[in-house]
């Protein structure tokens, strides 16, 4: 938990995110890798649950099966169990500037 607090403090100073979701979006490519980040973006983070927008139904189906691996990867990046569930929704493309958009 100490590592997560330190990272949060450092990123607030550098990136100046407005909300925890802004912070998550800023570090998303580092957390999940550039390929996955190019087809996804976090759109909600509440009470340990992250909702991730995916490009289309094919990506959603694949990622639904990998949700637990994605959750573990996110928590490993934070160094703490901050995320208890990851869900994927389709229909909202990644924001401009993401690879693959």
Protein backbone atom coordinates (compact mmCIF):
# COMPACT_ATOMS: atom_id res chain seq x y z
CA UNK A 1 0.00 0.00 0.00
CA UNK A 2 2.89 2.33 0.73
CA UNK A 3 4.13 1.92 -2.87
CA UNK A 4 0.71 2.83 -4.25
CA UNK A 5 0.57 5.98 -2.10
CA UNK A 6 4.05 6.99 -3.24
CA UNK A 7 3.16 6.44 -6.91
CA UNK A 8 -0.08 8.36 -6.45
CA UNK A 9 1.78 11.27 -4.87
CA UNK A 10 4.45 11.33 -7.59
CA UNK A 11 1.93 11.14 -10.42
CA UNK A 12 -0.27 13.85 -8.94
CA UNK A 13 2.75 16.14 -8.94
CA UNK A 14 3.84 15.31 -12.50
CA UNK A 15 0.66 14.51 -14.43
CA UNK A 16 -1.76 16.69 -12.44
CA UNK A 17 -4.71 14.34 -12.91
CA UNK A 18 -8.11 15.70 -11.97
CA UNK A 19 -9.58 12.45 -10.62
CA UNK A 20 -8.44 8.90 -9.86
CA UNK A 21 -9.89 7.92 -13.26
CA UNK A 22 -7.69 10.56 -14.93
CA UNK A 23 -4.68 9.05 -13.19
CA UNK A 24 -5.69 5.56 -14.27
CA UNK A 25 -6.09 6.72 -17.87
CA UNK A 26 -2.68 8.43 -17.77
CA UNK A 27 -0.87 5.26 -16.67
CA UNK A 28 -3.10 2.77 -18.53
CA UNK A 29 -0.57 1.99 -21.33
CA UNK A 30 2.14 1.28 -18.74
CA UNK A 31 -0.20 -0.98 -16.78
CA UNK A 32 -1.62 -3.09 -19.59
CA UNK A 33 0.87 -2.60 -22.41
CA UNK A 34 0.62 -0.58 -25.62
CA UNK A 35 -1.29 -3.16 -27.68
CA UNK A 36 -4.11 -3.59 -25.17
CA UNK A 37 -4.15 0.14 -24.41
CA UNK A 38 -4.57 0.81 -28.13
CA UNK A 39 -7.92 -0.98 -28.13
CA UNK A 40 -9.20 -0.11 -24.67
CA UNK A 41 -9.56 2.73 -22.21
CA UNK A 42 -10.74 2.88 -18.62
CA UNK A 43 -14.04 4.75 -18.36
CA UNK A 44 -15.06 4.23 -14.72
CA UNK A 45 -13.39 3.34 -11.43
CA UNK A 46 -15.56 2.99 -8.35
CA UNK A 47 -15.23 0.95 -5.17
CA UNK A 48 -12.53 -1.34 -6.54
CA UNK A 49 -14.28 -1.95 -9.87
CA UNK A 50 -12.83 -0.72 -13.15
CA UNK A 51 -14.98 -0.52 -16.26
CA UNK A 52 -12.98 -0.63 -19.48
CA UNK A 53 -14.30 0.41 -22.87
CA UNK A 54 -13.26 -1.83 -25.76
CA UNK A 55 -13.30 -1.24 -29.48
CA UNK A 56 -15.74 -3.99 -30.46
CA UNK A 57 -17.46 -7.24 -29.51
CA UNK A 58 -14.51 -9.43 -30.52
CA UNK A 59 -12.16 -7.60 -28.15
CA UNK A 60 -14.76 -7.67 -25.37
CA UNK A 61 -15.23 -11.43 -25.69
CA UNK A 62 -11.48 -12.05 -25.57
CA UNK A 63 -10.95 -9.71 -22.65
CA UNK A 64 -13.89 -11.08 -20.67
CA UNK A 65 -11.95 -14.35 -20.50
CA UNK A 66 -8.80 -12.50 -19.42
CA UNK A 67 -10.42 -10.17 -16.87
CA UNK A 68 -8.75 -11.82 -13.88
CA UNK A 69 -5.31 -11.61 -15.52
CA UNK A 70 -5.88 -7.95 -16.35
CA UNK A 71 -7.00 -7.28 -12.76
CA UNK A 72 -3.87 -8.96 -11.38
CA UNK A 73 -1.66 -7.01 -13.77
CA UNK A 74 -3.21 -3.71 -12.65
CA UNK A 75 -2.81 -4.58 -8.97
CA UNK A 76 0.78 -5.71 -9.54
CA UNK A 77 1.52 -2.37 -11.16
CA UNK A 78 0.06 -0.51 -8.16
CA UNK A 79 1.74 -2.85 -5.70
CA UNK A 80 -1.55 -3.22 -3.81
CA UNK A 81 -4.96 -4.89 -4.16
CA UNK A 82 -6.86 -1.76 -5.23
CA UNK A 83 -8.93 -3.40 -7.96
CA UNK A 84 -11.34 -6.23 -7.15
CA UNK A 85 -13.09 -6.51 -10.51
CA UNK A 86 -12.54 -5.48 -14.12
CA UNK A 87 -15.45 -5.39 -16.56
CA UNK A 88 -15.42 -4.67 -20.27
CA UNK A 89 -18.02 -2.80 -22.31
CA UNK A 90 -18.06 -2.27 -26.05
CA UNK A 91 -19.03 0.61 -28.23
CA UNK A 92 -16.89 3.48 -27.02
CA UNK A 93 -13.62 3.65 -28.94
CA UNK A 94 -10.32 4.57 -27.30
CA UNK A 95 -9.70 8.29 -27.01
CA UNK A 96 -7.76 10.05 -29.79
CA UNK A 97 -4.03 9.64 -29.58
CA UNK A 98 -4.13 6.03 -28.49
CA UNK A 99 -2.40 3.60 -30.85
CA UNK A 100 -4.91 1.71 -32.94
CA UNK A 101 -7.59 4.41 -32.84
